[in-house]
Protein backbone atom coordinates (compact mmCIF):
# COMPACT_ATOMS: atom_id res chain seq x y z
CA UNK A 1 55.59 130.18 -6.95
CA UNK A 2 56.79 129.07 -10.40
CA UNK A 3 58.77 125.87 -10.49
CA UNK A 4 59.99 123.22 -12.91
CA UNK A 5 57.89 120.19 -13.56
CA UNK A 6 60.53 118.03 -11.97
CA UNK A 7 58.64 118.49 -8.69
CA UNK A 8 56.51 115.53 -9.82
CA UNK A 9 53.31 117.41 -10.46
CA UNK A 10 50.37 115.07 -11.03
CA UNK A 11 49.74 113.97 -14.58
CA UNK A 12 46.88 115.65 -16.47
CA UNK A 13 43.60 114.00 -15.68
CA UNK A 14 41.32 112.65 -18.36
CA UNK A 15 38.28 114.22 -16.75
CA UNK A 16 34.85 113.26 -18.06
CA UNK A 17 35.13 112.61 -21.79
CA UNK A 18 36.45 109.19 -22.81
CA UNK A 19 39.88 108.81 -24.32
CA UNK A 20 38.62 107.79 -27.75
CA UNK A 21 36.38 110.84 -28.15
CA UNK A 22 39.08 113.40 -27.30
CA UNK A 23 41.63 111.49 -29.35
CA UNK A 24 39.30 111.29 -32.34
CA UNK A 25 38.48 115.00 -32.08
CA UNK A 26 42.15 116.00 -31.99
CA UNK A 27 43.19 113.67 -34.80
CA UNK A 28 40.16 114.61 -36.92
CA UNK A 29 40.97 118.33 -36.75
CA UNK A 30 44.64 117.69 -37.44
CA UNK A 31 44.00 115.50 -40.47
CA UNK A 32 41.46 117.94 -41.93
CA UNK A 33 43.94 120.79 -41.71
CA UNK A 34 46.83 118.63 -42.92
CA UNK A 35 45.00 117.34 -46.03
CA UNK A 36 46.60 119.80 -48.51
CA UNK A 37 50.04 119.07 -47.09
CA UNK A 38 49.42 115.33 -47.47
CA UNK A 39 48.31 115.87 -51.08
CA UNK A 40 51.48 117.81 -51.84
CA UNK A 41 53.74 115.31 -50.09
CA UNK A 42 52.13 112.48 -52.06
CA UNK A 43 53.98 113.86 -55.09
CA UNK A 44 57.24 112.74 -53.48
CA UNK A 45 56.55 109.21 -54.63
CA UNK A 46 56.11 110.21 -58.26
CA UNK A 47 58.97 110.14 -60.79
CA UNK A 48 60.57 113.47 -61.75
CA UNK A 49 62.16 112.35 -65.06
CA UNK A 50 65.51 113.91 -64.22
CA UNK A 51 64.21 117.36 -63.20
CA UNK A 52 65.22 116.94 -59.55
CA UNK A 53 68.72 115.84 -60.52
CA UNK A 54 69.03 118.92 -62.73
CA UNK A 55 67.95 121.22 -59.91
CA UNK A 56 70.33 119.56 -57.44
CA UNK A 57 73.31 120.04 -59.73
CA UNK A 58 72.57 123.65 -60.71
CA UNK A 59 70.48 125.86 -58.44
CA UNK A 60 69.88 123.80 -55.29
CA UNK A 61 73.15 124.83 -53.55
CA UNK A 62 72.24 128.50 -54.06
CA UNK A 63 68.72 127.91 -52.74
CA UNK A 64 70.17 126.18 -49.68
CA UNK A 65 72.84 128.81 -48.94
CA UNK A 66 70.53 131.82 -49.27
CA UNK A 67 67.77 130.16 -47.25
CA UNK A 68 70.16 129.24 -44.43
CA UNK A 69 71.51 132.79 -44.34
CA UNK A 70 68.01 134.25 -44.08
CA UNK A 71 67.00 131.74 -41.38
CA UNK A 72 70.03 132.48 -39.18
CA UNK A 73 69.97 136.27 -39.66
CA UNK A 74 66.22 136.72 -39.25
CA UNK A 75 66.12 134.28 -36.30
CA UNK A 76 68.78 136.20 -34.36
CA UNK A 77 67.37 139.60 -35.31
CA UNK A 78 63.78 138.83 -34.35
CA UNK A 79 64.88 137.21 -31.08
CA UNK A 80 66.96 140.20 -29.98
CA UNK A 81 64.48 142.89 -31.03
CA UNK A 82 61.29 141.09 -30.02
CA UNK A 83 62.43 139.77 -26.64
CA UNK A 84 64.33 142.88 -25.63
CA UNK A 85 61.53 145.31 -26.41
CA UNK A 86 58.92 143.03 -24.78
CA UNK A 87 60.88 143.00 -21.51
CA UNK A 88 61.34 146.79 -21.60
CA UNK A 89 57.66 147.64 -22.07
CA UNK A 90 56.48 145.10 -19.46
CA UNK A 91 59.03 145.58 -16.68
CA UNK A 92 60.55 149.06 -17.11
CA UNK A 93 59.31 152.64 -16.92
CA UNK A 94 60.73 155.08 -19.47
CA UNK A 95 59.45 157.87 -21.77
CA UNK A 96 56.97 156.63 -24.38
CA UNK A 97 56.44 153.20 -22.83
CA UNK A 98 52.64 153.25 -23.18
CA UNK A 99 52.86 154.15 -26.85
CA UNK A 100 55.43 151.48 -27.59
CA UNK A 101 53.22 148.76 -26.05
CA UNK A 102 51.07 148.83 -29.17
CA UNK A 103 53.40 150.73 -31.48
CA UNK A 104 55.88 147.86 -31.59
CA UNK A 105 53.15 145.72 -33.19
CA UNK A 106 52.59 148.06 -36.12
CA UNK A 107 55.25 146.66 -38.51
CA UNK A 108 53.29 143.40 -38.49
CA UNK A 109 50.55 145.17 -40.48
CA UNK A 110 52.94 146.02 -43.33
CA UNK A 111 53.33 143.29 -46.00
CA UNK A 112 56.95 142.39 -46.65
CA UNK A 113 56.69 143.01 -50.37
CA UNK A 114 55.25 146.48 -49.73
CA UNK A 115 58.09 147.53 -47.43
CA UNK A 116 60.53 146.17 -50.03
CA UNK A 117 59.00 148.32 -52.76
CA UNK A 118 58.96 151.39 -50.52
CA UNK A 119 62.62 151.14 -49.44
CA UNK A 120 63.76 150.31 -52.96
CA UNK A 121 62.14 153.48 -54.28
CA UNK A 122 63.63 155.45 -51.38
CA UNK A 123 67.21 154.08 -51.50
CA UNK A 124 67.81 153.28 -55.17
CA UNK A 125 70.24 155.27 -57.33
CA UNK A 126 67.50 157.57 -58.63
CA UNK A 127 65.79 157.78 -55.22
CA UNK A 128 65.71 160.83 -52.95
CA UNK A 129 68.54 159.70 -50.61
CA UNK A 130 71.22 159.13 -53.23
CA UNK A 131 70.01 162.09 -55.28
CA UNK A 132 70.43 164.33 -52.23
CA UNK A 133 73.93 162.96 -51.59
CA UNK A 134 75.04 163.66 -55.16
CA UNK A 135 73.58 167.15 -55.19
CA UNK A 136 74.97 168.06 -51.76
CA UNK A 137 78.53 166.80 -52.23
CA UNK A 138 78.82 167.11 -55.99
CA UNK A 139 79.34 163.37 -56.45
CA UNK A 140 78.63 161.38 -59.56
CA UNK A 141 78.11 157.68 -60.18
CA UNK A 142 81.10 155.70 -58.92
CA UNK A 143 82.36 158.42 -56.54
CA UNK A 144 80.76 156.87 -53.46
CA UNK A 145 79.71 153.55 -52.01
CA UNK A 146 76.10 153.01 -51.01
CA UNK A 147 74.62 149.72 -49.71
CA UNK A 148 72.40 147.95 -52.21
CA UNK A 149 69.02 147.33 -50.61
CA UNK A 150 68.21 144.80 -53.35
CA UNK A 151 70.54 142.17 -51.95
CA UNK A 152 70.56 139.21 -49.57
CA UNK A 153 71.47 141.47 -46.64
CA UNK A 154 68.74 143.93 -47.60
CA UNK A 155 66.14 141.16 -47.76
CA UNK A 156 67.22 139.81 -44.35
CA UNK A 157 67.03 143.28 -42.77
CA UNK A 158 63.58 144.11 -44.11
CA UNK A 159 62.17 140.67 -43.26
CA UNK A 160 63.47 141.07 -39.69
CA UNK A 161 61.82 144.49 -39.34
CA UNK A 162 58.48 143.03 -40.42
CA UNK A 163 58.60 139.74 -38.47
CA UNK A 164 60.04 140.71 -35.07
CA UNK A 165 56.48 141.45 -33.74
CA UNK A 166 55.86 137.68 -33.75
CA UNK A 167 58.46 137.31 -31.00
CA UNK A 168 57.48 140.57 -29.28
CA UNK A 169 53.82 139.58 -29.07
CA UNK A 170 54.36 136.13 -27.57
CA UNK A 171 57.24 137.22 -25.32
CA UNK A 172 55.18 140.09 -23.95
CA UNK A 173 52.25 137.78 -23.28
CA UNK A 174 54.60 135.38 -21.46
CA UNK A 175 56.13 138.15 -19.34
CA UNK A 176 52.66 139.46 -18.42
CA UNK A 177 51.56 135.96 -17.33
CA UNK A 178 54.53 135.40 -15.02
CA UNK A 179 53.94 135.25 -11.29
CA UNK A 180 55.20 137.99 -8.98
CA UNK A 181 56.52 135.45 -6.48
CA UNK A 182 59.42 134.15 -8.50
CA UNK A 183 60.42 137.67 -9.51
CA UNK A 184 60.32 138.79 -5.88
CA UNK A 185 62.58 135.89 -4.94
CA UNK A 186 65.08 136.99 -7.57
CA UNK A 187 65.05 140.54 -6.28
CA UNK A 188 65.56 139.46 -2.67
CA UNK A 189 68.65 137.56 -3.83
CA UNK A 190 70.12 140.83 -5.05
CA UNK A 191 69.53 140.40 -8.76
CA UNK A 192 69.10 143.62 -10.70
CA UNK A 193 66.97 144.10 -13.83
CA UNK A 194 69.50 142.54 -16.21
CA UNK A 195 70.26 139.42 -14.14
CA UNK A 196 66.57 139.02 -13.28
CA UNK A 197 65.81 139.07 -17.00
CA UNK A 198 68.53 136.64 -18.11
CA UNK A 199 68.36 134.14 -15.25
CA UNK A 200 64.66 134.13 -14.28
CA UNK A 201 62.23 135.75 -16.72
CA UNK A 202 63.90 134.62 -19.95
CA UNK A 203 64.04 130.89 -19.08
CA UNK A 204 60.41 130.95 -17.91
CA UNK A 205 59.31 132.63 -21.16
CA UNK A 206 61.40 130.31 -23.32
CA UNK A 207 58.49 128.26 -24.79
CA UNK A 208 56.67 131.40 -25.93
CA UNK A 209 59.84 133.03 -27.29
CA UNK A 210 60.83 129.90 -29.18
CA UNK A 211 57.30 129.71 -30.56
CA UNK A 212 57.58 133.29 -31.81
CA UNK A 213 61.00 132.72 -33.37
CA UNK A 214 59.70 129.53 -35.00
CA UNK A 215 56.81 131.46 -36.54
CA UNK A 216 59.22 134.11 -37.82
CA UNK A 217 61.48 131.45 -39.31
CA UNK A 218 58.60 129.62 -40.99
CA UNK A 219 57.37 132.93 -42.43
CA UNK A 220 60.92 133.58 -43.65
CA UNK A 221 60.97 130.22 -45.39
CA UNK A 222 57.65 131.15 -47.03
CA UNK A 223 58.64 134.69 -48.04
CA UNK A 224 58.20 135.24 -51.76
CA UNK A 225 57.35 138.83 -52.71
CA UNK A 226 60.40 140.59 -51.27
CA UNK A 227 63.01 137.97 -52.20
CA UNK A 228 61.66 137.70 -55.75
CA UNK A 229 61.72 141.47 -56.17
CA UNK A 230 65.28 141.61 -54.82
CA UNK A 231 66.42 138.75 -57.07
CA UNK A 232 67.35 136.47 -54.15
CA UNK A 233 66.96 132.78 -54.96
CA UNK A 234 65.50 130.75 -52.09
CA UNK A 235 63.54 127.53 -51.79
CA UNK A 236 60.28 129.48 -52.07
CA UNK A 237 61.18 131.25 -55.32
CA UNK A 238 62.48 127.93 -56.60
CA UNK A 239 59.16 126.26 -55.81
CA UNK A 240 57.21 128.95 -57.63
CA UNK A 241 59.57 128.86 -60.62
CA UNK A 242 59.53 125.07 -60.81
CA UNK A 243 55.78 124.65 -60.28
CA UNK A 244 54.34 127.55 -62.28
CA UNK A 245 57.23 128.39 -64.62
CA UNK A 246 58.46 124.95 -65.63
CA UNK A 247 55.19 123.16 -64.94
CA UNK A 248 56.98 120.49 -62.90
CA UNK A 249 54.65 119.93 -59.95
CA UNK A 250 56.47 116.82 -58.70
CA UNK A 251 59.87 118.55 -58.47
CA UNK A 252 58.26 121.59 -56.85
CA UNK A 253 56.58 119.38 -54.27
CA UNK A 254 59.95 117.83 -53.47
CA UNK A 255 61.42 121.31 -52.94
CA UNK A 256 58.48 122.03 -50.63
CA UNK A 257 59.35 118.87 -48.72
CA UNK A 258 62.81 120.36 -48.15
CA UNK A 259 61.11 123.33 -46.49
CA UNK A 260 59.20 120.96 -44.26
CA UNK A 261 62.46 119.26 -43.37
CA UNK A 262 63.90 122.64 -42.35
CA UNK A 263 61.02 123.34 -39.98
CA UNK A 264 60.91 119.82 -38.55
CA UNK A 265 64.65 119.94 -37.88
CA UNK A 266 64.32 123.29 -36.10
CA UNK A 267 61.44 122.09 -33.93
CA UNK A 268 63.14 118.81 -33.02
CA UNK A 269 66.43 120.57 -32.22
CA UNK A 270 64.73 123.01 -29.85
CA UNK A 271 62.70 120.32 -28.11
CA UNK A 272 65.79 118.14 -27.68
CA UNK A 273 67.71 121.05 -26.14
CA UNK A 274 64.80 121.74 -23.77
CA UNK A 275 64.79 118.14 -22.55
CA UNK A 276 62.14 117.28 -19.96
CA UNK A 277 62.05 120.69 -18.32
CA UNK A 278 58.59 122.23 -17.96
CA UNK A 279 57.43 125.37 -16.17
CA UNK A 280 54.08 125.86 -14.47
CA UNK A 281 52.37 128.51 -12.40
CA UNK A 282 51.68 126.85 -9.06
CA UNK A 283 50.06 129.80 -7.33
CA UNK A 284 47.14 132.12 -7.84
CA UNK A 285 49.05 135.10 -6.51
CA UNK A 286 48.95 137.54 -9.40
CA UNK A 287 49.81 141.04 -8.25
CA UNK A 288 51.13 143.99 -10.17
CA UNK A 289 54.47 143.13 -11.69
CA UNK A 290 57.49 144.92 -10.18
CA UNK A 291 58.69 147.72 -12.44
CA UNK A 292 62.15 149.20 -12.77
CA UNK A 293 62.21 152.97 -13.17
CA UNK A 294 64.92 153.97 -15.66
CA UNK A 295 66.58 157.38 -15.40
CA UNK A 296 69.04 159.42 -17.37
CA UNK A 297 70.76 157.84 -20.35
CA UNK A 298 69.25 154.41 -19.55
CA UNK A 299 65.73 155.80 -19.98
CA UNK A 300 66.57 157.43 -23.31
CA UNK A 301 68.43 154.32 -24.46
CA UNK A 302 65.31 152.24 -23.78
CA UNK A 303 63.21 154.77 -25.70
CA UNK A 304 65.61 154.66 -28.64
CA UNK A 305 65.71 150.83 -28.58
CA UNK A 306 61.91 150.71 -28.88
CA UNK A 307 61.67 153.60 -31.34
CA UNK A 308 64.17 152.26 -33.89
CA UNK A 309 62.21 149.16 -35.04
CA UNK A 310 58.95 151.14 -35.16
CA UNK A 311 60.61 153.93 -37.13
CA UNK A 312 62.33 151.65 -39.64
CA UNK A 313 59.62 149.00 -39.86
CA UNK A 314 56.52 151.20 -39.94
CA UNK A 315 56.84 154.99 -39.79
CA UNK A 316 59.33 155.50 -42.62
CA UNK A 317 57.74 153.06 -45.13
CA UNK A 318 54.25 154.31 -44.24
CA UNK A 319 55.40 157.89 -44.72
CA UNK A 320 56.90 157.01 -48.10
CA UNK A 321 53.70 155.27 -49.17
CA UNK A 322 51.65 158.21 -47.92
CA UNK A 323 53.74 160.63 -49.96
CA UNK A 324 53.39 158.47 -53.07
CA UNK A 325 49.65 158.16 -52.50
CA UNK A 326 49.27 161.92 -52.34
CA UNK A 327 51.40 162.39 -55.44
CA UNK A 328 49.56 159.77 -57.48
CA UNK A 329 47.33 157.22 -55.81
CA UNK A 330 44.90 154.63 -57.09
CA UNK A 331 42.26 155.88 -59.50
CA UNK A 332 39.77 153.40 -58.04
CA UNK A 333 40.02 154.85 -54.54
CA UNK A 334 36.51 155.42 -53.21
CA UNK A 335 33.51 153.12 -53.10
CA UNK A 336 35.45 150.21 -54.57
CA UNK A 337 37.74 150.21 -51.56
CA UNK A 338 34.82 149.60 -49.22
CA UNK A 339 34.32 146.27 -50.96
CA UNK A 340 38.03 145.42 -50.86
CA UNK A 341 38.28 146.31 -47.17
CA UNK A 342 35.05 144.48 -46.32
CA UNK A 343 36.25 141.28 -47.98
CA UNK A 344 39.61 141.48 -46.21
CA UNK A 345 38.04 142.13 -42.80
CA UNK A 346 35.49 139.34 -43.19
CA UNK A 347 38.08 136.75 -44.17
CA UNK A 348 40.57 137.84 -41.50
CA UNK A 349 37.99 137.84 -38.70
CA UNK A 350 36.55 134.43 -39.59
CA UNK A 351 39.98 132.87 -39.96
CA UNK A 352 41.20 134.32 -36.64
CA UNK A 353 38.19 133.04 -34.65
CA UNK A 354 38.22 129.58 -36.21
CA UNK A 355 42.02 129.20 -36.00
CA UNK A 356 42.15 130.13 -32.30
CA UNK A 357 39.24 127.80 -31.51
CA UNK A 358 40.77 124.84 -33.34
CA UNK A 359 44.22 125.50 -31.88
CA UNK A 360 42.73 125.56 -28.39
CA UNK A 361 41.01 122.20 -28.98
CA UNK A 362 44.17 120.68 -30.44
CA UNK A 363 46.35 121.89 -27.58
CA UNK A 364 43.89 120.80 -24.93
CA UNK A 365 43.34 117.40 -26.55
CA UNK A 366 47.09 116.83 -26.65
CA UNK A 367 47.28 117.87 -22.99
CA UNK A 368 44.60 115.41 -21.91
CA UNK A 369 46.05 112.50 -23.87
CA UNK A 370 49.72 113.17 -24.70
CA UNK A 371 50.24 110.02 -26.72
CA UNK A 372 52.49 109.60 -29.72
CA UNK A 373 49.61 109.55 -32.22
CA UNK A 374 48.12 112.77 -30.88
CA UNK A 375 51.51 114.46 -30.71
CA UNK A 376 52.35 113.54 -34.31
CA UNK A 377 48.91 114.63 -35.52
CA UNK A 378 49.20 118.09 -33.99
CA UNK A 379 52.70 118.58 -35.43
CA UNK A 380 51.52 117.55 -38.88
CA UNK A 381 48.62 120.00 -38.65
CA UNK A 382 51.04 122.82 -37.88
CA UNK A 383 53.33 122.02 -40.81
CA UNK A 384 51.08 123.84 -43.29
CA UNK A 385 52.75 127.09 -42.27
CA UNK A 386 56.00 125.83 -43.80
CA UNK A 387 54.46 125.30 -47.25
CA UNK A 388 54.14 128.28 -49.63
CA UNK A 389 50.65 129.64 -50.02
CA UNK A 390 50.39 128.76 -53.69
CA UNK A 391 51.42 125.15 -53.01
CA UNK A 392 48.80 124.96 -50.25
CA UNK A 393 46.26 126.35 -52.71
CA UNK A 394 47.08 123.66 -55.27
CA UNK A 395 46.92 121.00 -52.56
CA UNK A 396 43.43 122.25 -51.69
CA UNK A 397 42.18 122.60 -55.26
CA UNK A 398 42.99 119.00 -56.21
CA UNK A 399 40.64 117.31 -53.70
CA UNK A 400 38.03 120.10 -53.63
CA UNK A 401 37.62 120.22 -57.41
CA UNK A 402 37.28 116.43 -57.40
CA UNK A 403 34.56 116.64 -54.74
CA UNK A 404 32.74 119.36 -56.70
CA UNK A 405 32.75 117.15 -59.79
CA UNK A 406 31.37 114.24 -57.78
CA UNK A 407 28.59 116.39 -56.31
CA UNK A 408 27.64 117.78 -59.72
CA UNK A 409 27.63 114.34 -61.33
CA UNK A 410 25.37 113.03 -58.57
CA UNK A 411 22.96 115.99 -58.69
CA UNK A 412 22.81 115.92 -62.47
CA UNK A 413 22.21 112.17 -62.56
CA UNK A 414 19.57 112.16 -59.79
CA UNK A 415 17.80 115.50 -60.26
CA UNK A 416 19.04 116.91 -63.56
CA UNK A 417 20.52 119.95 -61.78
CA UNK A 418 24.07 121.34 -61.96
CA UNK A 419 24.86 123.10 -58.67
CA UNK A 420 28.23 124.52 -59.75
CA UNK A 421 31.38 124.87 -57.69
CA UNK A 422 29.96 124.68 -54.18
CA UNK A 423 33.32 124.15 -52.47
CA UNK A 424 36.10 125.32 -54.76
CA UNK A 425 34.16 128.38 -55.96
CA UNK A 426 33.15 129.84 -52.58
CA UNK A 427 34.79 131.87 -49.84
CA UNK A 428 34.82 128.74 -47.68
CA UNK A 429 37.85 127.43 -49.53
CA UNK A 430 39.72 130.67 -48.72
CA UNK A 431 39.04 130.35 -45.00
CA UNK A 432 40.13 126.72 -45.17
CA UNK A 433 43.38 127.74 -46.89
CA UNK A 434 44.06 130.34 -44.19
CA UNK A 435 43.54 127.70 -41.50
CA UNK A 436 46.05 125.41 -43.21
CA UNK A 437 48.57 128.24 -43.50
CA UNK A 438 48.13 129.93 -40.15
CA UNK A 439 46.92 127.33 -37.66
CA UNK A 440 50.52 127.01 -36.48
CA UNK A 441 50.49 130.71 -35.56
CA UNK A 442 47.72 130.27 -33.02
CA UNK A 443 48.73 126.72 -32.02
CA UNK A 444 52.28 127.68 -30.99
CA UNK A 445 51.07 130.61 -28.90
CA UNK A 446 48.31 128.62 -27.16
CA UNK A 447 50.40 125.49 -26.63
CA UNK A 448 53.16 127.52 -24.95
CA UNK A 449 50.65 129.21 -22.63
CA UNK A 450 48.74 126.03 -21.84
CA UNK A 451 51.97 124.23 -21.01
CA UNK A 452 52.59 126.64 -18.12
CA UNK A 453 49.31 125.75 -16.38
CA UNK A 454 50.13 123.18 -13.72
CA UNK A 455 48.34 119.80 -14.12
CA UNK A 456 47.23 120.03 -10.48
CA UNK A 457 44.58 122.53 -11.63
CA UNK A 458 43.04 119.81 -13.81
CA UNK A 459 42.94 117.45 -10.87
CA UNK A 460 41.38 120.11 -8.63
CA UNK A 461 38.75 120.83 -11.26
CA UNK A 462 37.91 117.12 -11.46
CA UNK A 463 37.39 116.87 -7.72
CA UNK A 464 34.96 119.81 -7.95
CA UNK A 465 32.89 117.98 -10.55
CA UNK A 466 33.90 119.91 -13.66
CA UNK A 467 33.96 118.22 -17.05
CA UNK A 468 36.80 118.61 -19.53
CA UNK A 469 34.90 121.34 -21.36
CA UNK A 470 34.09 123.09 -18.10
CA UNK A 471 37.72 122.99 -17.03
CA UNK A 472 38.81 124.44 -20.34
CA UNK A 473 36.20 127.20 -20.19
CA UNK A 474 36.41 128.15 -16.51
CA UNK A 475 40.04 127.43 -15.62
CA UNK A 476 42.38 127.39 -18.58
CA UNK A 477 40.80 129.99 -20.87
CA UNK A 478 40.84 132.85 -18.30
CA UNK A 479 44.48 132.10 -17.45
CA UNK A 480 45.48 132.03 -21.13
CA UNK A 481 43.39 135.02 -22.21
CA UNK A 482 46.44 137.10 -23.09
CA UNK A 483 47.90 134.39 -25.30
CA UNK A 484 44.54 133.76 -26.95
CA UNK A 485 44.32 137.44 -27.82
CA UNK A 486 47.88 137.40 -29.12
CA UNK A 487 47.13 134.38 -31.31
CA UNK A 488 44.03 136.08 -32.71
CA UNK A 489 45.99 139.23 -33.57
CA UNK A 490 48.68 137.27 -35.38
CA UNK A 491 46.21 135.28 -37.49
CA UNK A 492 44.11 138.38 -38.28
CA UNK A 493 47.05 140.42 -39.51
CA UNK A 494 48.57 137.49 -41.43
CA UNK A 495 45.32 136.89 -43.31
CA UNK A 496 45.08 140.59 -44.13
CA UNK A 497 48.45 140.33 -45.88
CA UNK A 498 48.15 136.82 -47.38
CA UNK A 499 48.51 136.97 -51.15
CA UNK A 500 49.38 133.76 -53.09
CA UNK A 501 46.59 131.54 -51.74
CA UNK A 502 44.08 134.38 -52.07
CA UNK A 503 44.97 135.02 -55.71
CA UNK A 504 44.58 131.36 -56.66
CA UNK A 505 41.52 130.42 -54.59
CA UNK A 506 39.40 133.59 -54.45
CA UNK A 507 35.93 133.41 -56.01
CA UNK A 508 35.23 135.46 -59.12
CA UNK A 509 34.90 139.21 -58.46
CA UNK A 510 36.15 138.75 -54.90
CA UNK A 511 39.19 141.02 -54.52
CA UNK A 512 40.97 141.99 -51.35
CA UNK A 513 43.28 144.86 -50.45
CA UNK A 514 46.33 142.61 -50.71
CA UNK A 515 45.43 141.50 -54.24
CA UNK A 516 44.95 145.09 -55.38
CA UNK A 517 48.21 146.29 -53.82
CA UNK A 518 50.34 143.48 -55.21
CA UNK A 519 48.91 143.57 -58.73
CA UNK A 520 49.80 147.27 -59.03
CA UNK A 521 53.19 147.03 -57.31
CA UNK A 522 54.23 144.06 -59.45
CA UNK A 523 53.78 146.31 -62.50
CA UNK A 524 56.04 148.94 -60.87
CA UNK A 525 53.00 151.20 -60.35
CA UNK A 526 54.08 151.89 -56.80
CA UNK A 527 52.29 155.24 -56.52
CA UNK A 528 48.98 153.55 -57.29
CA UNK A 529 49.77 150.50 -55.14
CA UNK A 530 50.51 152.78 -52.18
CA UNK A 531 46.81 153.49 -51.69
CA UNK A 532 45.88 149.85 -51.20
CA UNK A 533 48.99 149.26 -49.10
CA UNK A 534 48.07 152.10 -46.75
CA UNK A 535 44.53 150.74 -46.56
CA UNK A 536 45.91 147.35 -45.40
CA UNK A 537 47.90 149.13 -42.71
CA UNK A 538 44.96 151.32 -41.66
CA UNK A 539 42.61 148.35 -41.36
CA UNK A 540 45.11 146.52 -39.17
CA UNK A 541 46.08 149.40 -36.88
CA UNK A 542 42.88 149.70 -34.82
CA UNK A 543 42.55 145.97 -33.97
CA UNK A 544 46.24 145.91 -33.02
CA UNK A 545 45.82 148.84 -30.62
CA UNK A 546 42.58 147.62 -29.04
CA UNK A 547 43.74 144.03 -28.67
CA UNK A 548 47.08 145.14 -27.28
CA UNK A 549 45.29 147.12 -24.56
CA UNK A 550 43.00 144.17 -23.81
CA UNK A 551 46.03 141.90 -23.68
CA UNK A 552 47.69 144.10 -21.06
CA UNK A 553 44.54 144.05 -18.95
CA UNK A 554 44.19 140.28 -19.29
CA UNK A 555 46.77 139.58 -16.59
CA UNK A 556 44.98 138.04 -13.58
CA UNK A 557 44.92 140.50 -10.72
CA UNK A 558 45.19 143.55 -12.98
CA UNK A 559 42.68 146.37 -12.83
């Protein structure tokens, strides 16, 4: 049966490895990942020569207002869509349910800037929708009102359609991992599907849902392509304009620190509201989850609720891009795309595997030794997701270029050989940048899942002679398999779409699909950019489907 931690469950055991070794491992990983963030934050102590005061008196209020609007709107939208659809596909039977299990993940494969370009071309004054309205009703300019997609509301809507899968993925994994016992108790007390959802399942899945919403909010704070194209001023566009337009790195770093303050405030607020409540699975009874068969208008309402975000977030923009690709398309389509796709797949796969592995070690190390130092270190490591990709790239380049110069000076002085840019000129620096940016994605998912494993399992494993590594491999990992898969999917798809860090840090002649798509779309060559955009989506579809199926089968007791 699932119960709060207030039942005085035994504290996590320290098992076989000494405290210092686990502590050093956790802190070492955290500091390595947090290095670029530390480099950027070091600029806070440098003088700005009046630039910060100028920003605060002119554009900072607009940055703050627009960013807050996006955070609130996207947070509510992703929570409602992601949590609601996750509950429907896990606990209810209705037409199309099996398709929606993986179909609801598809918008995650569409870059935000691509969906912004597609809808702008579709809904603008000269686009097919408004043209059809004028021709059908004989209207002219000024005779009708039509919502402007290139606005703050339009940006919030499109960002929500792309980011709700973060919440859906983690909420679905949490619902699949829940024990049958507590749900059966709720049903015996006369609670129907709605009350069972709101009073039992939703509170138990709260850590995972909050983790998904936090990821969506951090991605919103980092969004650049869509808001820049729509002319919406946010902290991220301000950072880019200040750093790369005005050349004021110190002021830009201070704006980035404001983003960090946003995320830290959100995390602390949620943890304070949660208090000391914890939820664990205290039984091994994992049977098939009870399902509610929906009939009549309820069944079709559930189908429509799941179809709408897929239609608006994936099918329509993909169809528009497909039409544009057929009409024009990229002249380089062919053998060159095999190289683009291969580079994207290689980077995404490596980053996903390494990020999930490091997040698992960080979460488990913090579980074994939940001290203040370890807790702070893990939070600092996860803060890289709140820093724009280009700022992370600059924070990486500064120390890595310095190390390359030191290596070359040593090799030239000792052996008369110049080895070149071993670190800053290789694909290694790209994978490192992705870890800095997306470690929080896997860490939040794994931490939420690991927190639901009762500490008594650690104690039982110790009495059976298992080491800490053995307990992690034989006990925790099988229980968390669904969340591990979810974390891997999120990192994989995010790396496929990552643009700013890739543009700055990529080695020479090392292009990806995202670079090709953005470079063409930024020049308003949308028909040509549609080919690369569709390739990004196509590459991401198959892993999403296969991993979604594996995630459903990962529930203990399932067949």
